[in-house]
Amino acid sequence: MIVIRSWCLPALDEQALNDLHDSIVKAVISTPTSGVKSEKDMLNLFPSDMMTYGLGCEVYVEIMHLPERMLPFERQVLGNLVRTEICNALERSGEKPPNMQLFIPATHPDDIVM
C-alpha cells in the first residue's frame, strides 16, 4: 500500500485538509502503474508538528511503498504530480506556495530523491 506522509504543513482547518487529501489521492490515481484505484488503496499521513514556528514555509513529503513495477520516470512523474497537487491545494486554502522537499525512498538502485 502506498503511503504518503506530509509534514511541516501550515495550520489548516478540516476542510482544507480534506481538500489536500483528495488532491493527493487524485494525483496518485492518475498514475496507472501506482495500482491505486481509490483512496482505500493508499494512506495519507499528516503528522502534527509540536512547534508552529516556520510551519508552511518548507513542506516535506515522503512517498513510500511504491510498487516495484513502477519505472524510475513513472516515480518521478508521480512525485511531480503530488508536488503540484499539494501546492495547488495549499493555494486554494489561502496559503502561499511552500518550498517543498519531496522524498521517494530508494527501494532499488534506480530510485530517485527529488
N, C-alpha and C. Protein backbone atom coordinates (compact mmCIF):
# COMPACT_ATOMS: atom_id res chain seq x y z
N MET A 1 0.84 -1.17 0.00
CA MET A 1 0.00 0.00 0.00
C MET A 1 0.89 1.24 0.00
N ILE A 2 0.62 2.14 -0.91
CA ILE A 2 1.38 3.39 -1.00
C ILE A 2 1.04 4.25 0.22
N VAL A 3 2.08 4.82 0.81
CA VAL A 3 1.92 5.72 1.95
C VAL A 3 2.57 7.05 1.60
N ILE A 4 1.82 8.12 1.81
CA ILE A 4 2.36 9.46 1.58
C ILE A 4 2.27 10.22 2.89
N ARG A 5 3.42 10.68 3.35
CA ARG A 5 3.49 11.41 4.62
C ARG A 5 3.91 12.84 4.33
N SER A 6 3.08 13.79 4.75
CA SER A 6 3.35 15.22 4.55
C SER A 6 3.45 15.88 5.91
N TRP A 7 4.56 16.58 6.14
CA TRP A 7 4.69 17.25 7.42
C TRP A 7 5.25 18.65 7.24
N CYS A 8 5.18 19.42 8.31
CA CYS A 8 5.52 20.86 8.33
C CYS A 8 4.52 21.67 7.52
N LEU A 9 3.29 21.15 7.42
CA LEU A 9 2.23 21.88 6.73
C LEU A 9 1.80 23.08 7.57
N PRO A 10 1.31 24.13 6.93
CA PRO A 10 0.76 25.23 7.72
C PRO A 10 -0.50 24.76 8.45
N ALA A 11 -0.93 25.53 9.42
CA ALA A 11 -2.16 25.17 10.15
C ALA A 11 -3.33 25.24 9.18
N LEU A 12 -4.01 24.11 9.00
CA LEU A 12 -5.14 24.03 8.07
C LEU A 12 -6.37 23.54 8.81
N ASP A 13 -7.54 24.05 8.42
CA ASP A 13 -8.77 23.55 9.02
C ASP A 13 -9.14 22.21 8.37
N GLU A 14 -10.16 21.57 8.89
CA GLU A 14 -10.56 20.24 8.43
C GLU A 14 -10.91 20.22 6.94
N GLN A 15 -11.60 21.24 6.48
CA GLN A 15 -11.98 21.31 5.06
C GLN A 15 -10.75 21.39 4.17
N ALA A 16 -9.77 22.20 4.56
CA ALA A 16 -8.54 22.33 3.77
C ALA A 16 -7.75 21.02 3.78
N LEU A 17 -7.73 20.32 4.92
CA LEU A 17 -7.04 19.03 4.97
C LEU A 17 -7.74 17.99 4.11
N ASN A 18 -9.07 18.00 4.10
CA ASN A 18 -9.81 17.09 3.23
C ASN A 18 -9.52 17.38 1.76
N ASP A 19 -9.45 18.65 1.40
CA ASP A 19 -9.12 19.04 0.03
C ASP A 19 -7.71 18.58 -0.33
N LEU A 20 -6.77 18.75 0.61
CA LEU A 20 -5.40 18.31 0.39
C LEU A 20 -5.35 16.80 0.20
N HIS A 21 -6.04 16.07 1.04
CA HIS A 21 -6.12 14.61 0.93
C HIS A 21 -6.66 14.21 -0.45
N ASP A 22 -7.79 14.81 -0.84
CA ASP A 22 -8.41 14.49 -2.13
C ASP A 22 -7.48 14.80 -3.30
N SER A 23 -6.73 15.89 -3.20
CA SER A 23 -5.79 16.27 -4.26
C SER A 23 -4.66 15.26 -4.40
N ILE A 24 -4.15 14.80 -3.27
CA ILE A 24 -3.06 13.80 -3.31
C ILE A 24 -3.58 12.49 -3.88
N VAL A 25 -4.77 12.06 -3.45
CA VAL A 25 -5.36 10.83 -3.98
C VAL A 25 -5.55 10.95 -5.48
N LYS A 26 -6.05 12.08 -5.95
CA LYS A 26 -6.25 12.31 -7.39
C LYS A 26 -4.94 12.16 -8.16
N ALA A 27 -3.86 12.70 -7.61
CA ALA A 27 -2.55 12.60 -8.28
C ALA A 27 -2.09 11.16 -8.38
N VAL A 28 -2.26 10.39 -7.31
CA VAL A 28 -1.80 9.00 -7.30
C VAL A 28 -2.66 8.14 -8.23
N ILE A 29 -3.97 8.35 -8.19
CA ILE A 29 -4.87 7.58 -9.07
C ILE A 29 -4.56 7.86 -10.54
N SER A 30 -4.15 9.09 -10.85
CA SER A 30 -3.88 9.44 -12.24
C SER A 30 -2.60 8.80 -12.79
N THR A 31 -1.87 8.10 -11.92
CA THR A 31 -0.68 7.37 -12.35
C THR A 31 -1.02 5.88 -12.34
N PRO A 32 -1.38 5.31 -13.50
CA PRO A 32 -1.90 3.94 -13.55
C PRO A 32 -0.99 2.89 -12.93
N THR A 33 0.32 3.02 -13.08
CA THR A 33 1.21 1.98 -12.56
C THR A 33 1.31 2.00 -11.04
N SER A 34 0.72 3.01 -10.40
CA SER A 34 0.72 3.02 -8.93
C SER A 34 -0.18 1.91 -8.39
N GLY A 35 -1.15 1.48 -9.21
CA GLY A 35 -2.07 0.45 -8.77
C GLY A 35 -3.18 0.96 -7.87
N VAL A 36 -3.22 2.26 -7.64
CA VAL A 36 -4.22 2.84 -6.75
C VAL A 36 -5.46 3.18 -7.55
N LYS A 37 -6.58 2.62 -7.13
CA LYS A 37 -7.86 2.86 -7.80
C LYS A 37 -8.77 3.78 -7.00
N SER A 38 -8.55 3.83 -5.66
CA SER A 38 -9.35 4.70 -4.80
C SER A 38 -8.52 5.02 -3.56
N GLU A 39 -9.05 5.90 -2.73
CA GLU A 39 -8.35 6.27 -1.51
C GLU A 39 -8.16 5.10 -0.55
N LYS A 40 -8.92 4.02 -0.75
CA LYS A 40 -8.79 2.85 0.11
C LYS A 40 -7.51 2.06 -0.18
N ASP A 41 -6.89 2.34 -1.34
CA ASP A 41 -5.68 1.63 -1.74
C ASP A 41 -4.40 2.34 -1.30
N MET A 42 -4.54 3.44 -0.57
CA MET A 42 -3.35 4.20 -0.16
C MET A 42 -3.61 4.83 1.21
N LEU A 43 -2.57 5.39 1.77
CA LEU A 43 -2.68 6.02 3.08
C LEU A 43 -2.00 7.38 3.03
N ASN A 44 -2.72 8.41 3.43
CA ASN A 44 -2.16 9.76 3.56
C ASN A 44 -1.97 10.05 5.04
N LEU A 45 -0.77 10.44 5.40
CA LEU A 45 -0.49 10.80 6.79
C LEU A 45 -0.13 12.27 6.87
N PHE A 46 -0.74 12.96 7.82
CA PHE A 46 -0.45 14.37 8.08
C PHE A 46 -0.05 14.50 9.55
N PRO A 47 1.19 14.10 9.89
CA PRO A 47 1.58 14.17 11.30
C PRO A 47 1.57 15.61 11.79
N SER A 48 1.12 15.78 13.03
CA SER A 48 1.11 17.14 13.58
C SER A 48 2.51 17.49 14.06
N ASP A 49 2.81 18.76 13.97
CA ASP A 49 4.11 19.26 14.41
C ASP A 49 3.93 19.91 15.77
N MET A 50 4.87 19.70 16.65
CA MET A 50 4.75 20.23 18.01
C MET A 50 5.14 21.70 18.10
N MET A 51 5.84 22.21 17.10
CA MET A 51 6.27 23.60 17.11
C MET A 51 5.67 24.29 15.90
N THR A 52 5.05 25.43 16.08
CA THR A 52 4.40 26.11 14.95
C THR A 52 5.34 27.06 14.21
N TYR A 53 6.46 27.40 14.81
CA TYR A 53 7.41 28.31 14.17
C TYR A 53 7.86 27.76 12.82
N GLY A 54 7.65 28.50 11.76
CA GLY A 54 8.12 28.13 10.44
C GLY A 54 7.24 27.16 9.67
N LEU A 55 6.13 26.71 10.26
CA LEU A 55 5.28 25.76 9.56
C LEU A 55 4.75 26.37 8.27
N GLY A 56 4.78 25.61 7.22
CA GLY A 56 4.25 26.05 5.94
C GLY A 56 5.28 26.69 5.04
N CYS A 57 6.42 27.09 5.59
CA CYS A 57 7.47 27.69 4.76
C CYS A 57 8.18 26.61 3.93
N GLU A 58 8.43 25.51 4.57
CA GLU A 58 9.08 24.39 3.90
C GLU A 58 8.29 23.14 4.27
N VAL A 59 7.72 22.49 3.28
CA VAL A 59 6.90 21.30 3.48
C VAL A 59 7.68 20.09 2.99
N TYR A 60 7.63 19.03 3.77
CA TYR A 60 8.32 17.79 3.42
C TYR A 60 7.28 16.71 3.11
N VAL A 61 7.50 16.02 2.01
CA VAL A 61 6.58 14.96 1.59
C VAL A 61 7.41 13.73 1.26
N GLU A 62 7.00 12.60 1.82
CA GLU A 62 7.68 11.34 1.57
C GLU A 62 6.67 10.37 0.96
N ILE A 63 7.04 9.78 -0.17
CA ILE A 63 6.19 8.79 -0.84
C ILE A 63 6.86 7.44 -0.67
N MET A 64 6.17 6.55 0.04
CA MET A 64 6.77 5.27 0.40
C MET A 64 5.96 4.10 -0.13
N HIS A 65 6.60 2.97 -0.22
CA HIS A 65 5.99 1.69 -0.59
C HIS A 65 5.38 1.71 -1.99
N LEU A 66 6.08 2.35 -2.92
CA LEU A 66 5.63 2.31 -4.32
C LEU A 66 5.88 0.92 -4.88
N PRO A 67 5.02 0.48 -5.80
CA PRO A 67 5.22 -0.85 -6.39
C PRO A 67 6.56 -0.91 -7.15
N GLU A 68 7.21 -2.04 -7.04
CA GLU A 68 8.50 -2.21 -7.74
C GLU A 68 8.35 -2.14 -9.25
N ARG A 69 7.15 -2.41 -9.76
CA ARG A 69 6.95 -2.38 -11.21
C ARG A 69 7.01 -0.97 -11.78
N MET A 70 6.92 0.04 -10.90
CA MET A 70 6.98 1.42 -11.38
C MET A 70 8.39 1.74 -11.82
N LEU A 71 8.51 2.22 -13.03
CA LEU A 71 9.81 2.63 -13.56
C LEU A 71 10.24 3.94 -12.92
N PRO A 72 11.55 4.22 -12.91
CA PRO A 72 12.02 5.47 -12.29
C PRO A 72 11.33 6.73 -12.83
N PHE A 73 11.10 6.80 -14.14
CA PHE A 73 10.45 8.00 -14.67
C PHE A 73 9.00 8.08 -14.22
N GLU A 74 8.34 6.93 -14.01
CA GLU A 74 6.96 6.95 -13.50
C GLU A 74 6.93 7.43 -12.05
N ARG A 75 7.93 7.06 -11.28
CA ARG A 75 8.03 7.54 -9.91
C ARG A 75 8.25 9.05 -9.89
N GLN A 76 9.07 9.52 -10.82
CA GLN A 76 9.32 10.95 -10.90
C GLN A 76 8.06 11.70 -11.32
N VAL A 77 7.32 11.16 -12.28
CA VAL A 77 6.07 11.78 -12.70
C VAL A 77 5.10 11.83 -11.52
N LEU A 78 4.97 10.73 -10.80
CA LEU A 78 4.09 10.70 -9.63
C LEU A 78 4.52 11.75 -8.61
N GLY A 79 5.80 11.83 -8.34
CA GLY A 79 6.29 12.84 -7.39
C GLY A 79 5.95 14.25 -7.82
N ASN A 80 6.12 14.53 -9.11
CA ASN A 80 5.79 15.87 -9.62
C ASN A 80 4.30 16.15 -9.53
N LEU A 81 3.46 15.14 -9.82
CA LEU A 81 2.01 15.32 -9.70
C LEU A 81 1.61 15.60 -8.25
N VAL A 82 2.17 14.84 -7.32
CA VAL A 82 1.85 15.04 -5.91
C VAL A 82 2.30 16.44 -5.47
N ARG A 83 3.49 16.84 -5.86
CA ARG A 83 4.02 18.17 -5.52
C ARG A 83 3.07 19.25 -6.03
N THR A 84 2.66 19.15 -7.29
CA THR A 84 1.76 20.15 -7.89
C THR A 84 0.42 20.19 -7.17
N GLU A 85 -0.15 19.02 -6.90
CA GLU A 85 -1.46 18.98 -6.24
C GLU A 85 -1.40 19.54 -4.82
N ILE A 86 -0.33 19.28 -4.10
CA ILE A 86 -0.21 19.84 -2.75
C ILE A 86 -0.10 21.36 -2.81
N CYS A 87 0.72 21.87 -3.71
CA CYS A 87 0.86 23.32 -3.85
C CYS A 87 -0.48 23.95 -4.23
N ASN A 88 -1.20 23.34 -5.16
CA ASN A 88 -2.49 23.87 -5.58
C ASN A 88 -3.50 23.86 -4.42
N ALA A 89 -3.53 22.77 -3.66
CA ALA A 89 -4.46 22.68 -2.53
C ALA A 89 -4.14 23.73 -1.47
N LEU A 90 -2.85 23.95 -1.20
CA LEU A 90 -2.48 24.96 -0.21
C LEU A 90 -2.86 26.36 -0.70
N GLU A 91 -2.66 26.61 -1.98
CA GLU A 91 -3.06 27.92 -2.53
C GLU A 91 -4.57 28.12 -2.42
N ARG A 92 -5.36 27.07 -2.69
CA ARG A 92 -6.81 27.18 -2.56
C ARG A 92 -7.24 27.50 -1.13
N SER A 93 -6.43 27.06 -0.16
CA SER A 93 -6.77 27.32 1.24
C SER A 93 -6.25 28.68 1.71
N GLY A 94 -5.64 29.43 0.79
CA GLY A 94 -5.17 30.77 1.13
C GLY A 94 -3.72 30.84 1.55
N GLU A 95 -3.00 29.75 1.46
CA GLU A 95 -1.59 29.73 1.84
C GLU A 95 -0.73 30.03 0.61
N LYS A 96 0.43 30.62 0.84
CA LYS A 96 1.34 30.84 -0.29
C LYS A 96 2.06 29.53 -0.59
N PRO A 97 2.46 29.33 -1.84
CA PRO A 97 3.13 28.06 -2.19
C PRO A 97 4.42 27.88 -1.37
N PRO A 98 4.58 26.72 -0.76
CA PRO A 98 5.77 26.49 0.07
C PRO A 98 6.95 26.02 -0.77
N ASN A 99 8.11 26.08 -0.16
CA ASN A 99 9.27 25.37 -0.70
C ASN A 99 9.04 23.92 -0.31
N MET A 100 8.98 23.03 -1.29
CA MET A 100 8.63 21.66 -0.99
C MET A 100 9.81 20.72 -1.26
N GLN A 101 10.05 19.87 -0.28
CA GLN A 101 11.06 18.83 -0.41
C GLN A 101 10.32 17.50 -0.53
N LEU A 102 10.58 16.79 -1.61
CA LEU A 102 9.90 15.53 -1.89
C LEU A 102 10.92 14.41 -1.84
N PHE A 103 10.59 13.35 -1.09
CA PHE A 103 11.48 12.21 -0.94
C PHE A 103 10.76 10.94 -1.38
N ILE A 104 11.43 10.19 -2.22
CA ILE A 104 10.95 8.87 -2.62
C ILE A 104 12.06 7.91 -2.22
N PRO A 105 11.91 7.24 -1.06
CA PRO A 105 12.99 6.38 -0.57
C PRO A 105 13.39 5.31 -1.58
N ALA A 106 14.66 5.05 -1.63
CA ALA A 106 15.18 4.07 -2.57
C ALA A 106 14.80 2.66 -2.15
N THR A 107 14.20 1.92 -3.08
CA THR A 107 13.93 0.51 -2.85
C THR A 107 14.72 -0.33 -3.85
N HIS A 108 15.19 0.31 -4.89
CA HIS A 108 16.12 -0.34 -5.80
C HIS A 108 17.03 0.73 -6.40
N PRO A 109 18.13 0.37 -7.05
CA PRO A 109 19.17 1.31 -7.43
C PRO A 109 18.72 2.47 -8.32
N ASP A 110 17.65 2.31 -9.07
CA ASP A 110 17.23 3.37 -9.98
C ASP A 110 16.29 4.38 -9.34
N ASP A 111 15.99 4.24 -8.06
CA ASP A 111 15.05 5.15 -7.41
C ASP A 111 15.65 6.54 -7.30
N ILE A 112 14.77 7.50 -7.08
CA ILE A 112 15.17 8.91 -7.09
C ILE A 112 14.76 9.60 -5.81
N VAL A 113 15.45 10.64 -5.50
CA VAL A 113 15.06 11.58 -4.46
C VAL A 113 15.06 12.93 -5.11
N MET A 114 13.93 13.65 -5.03
CA MET A 114 13.81 14.94 -5.71
C MET A 114 13.76 16.06 -4.68
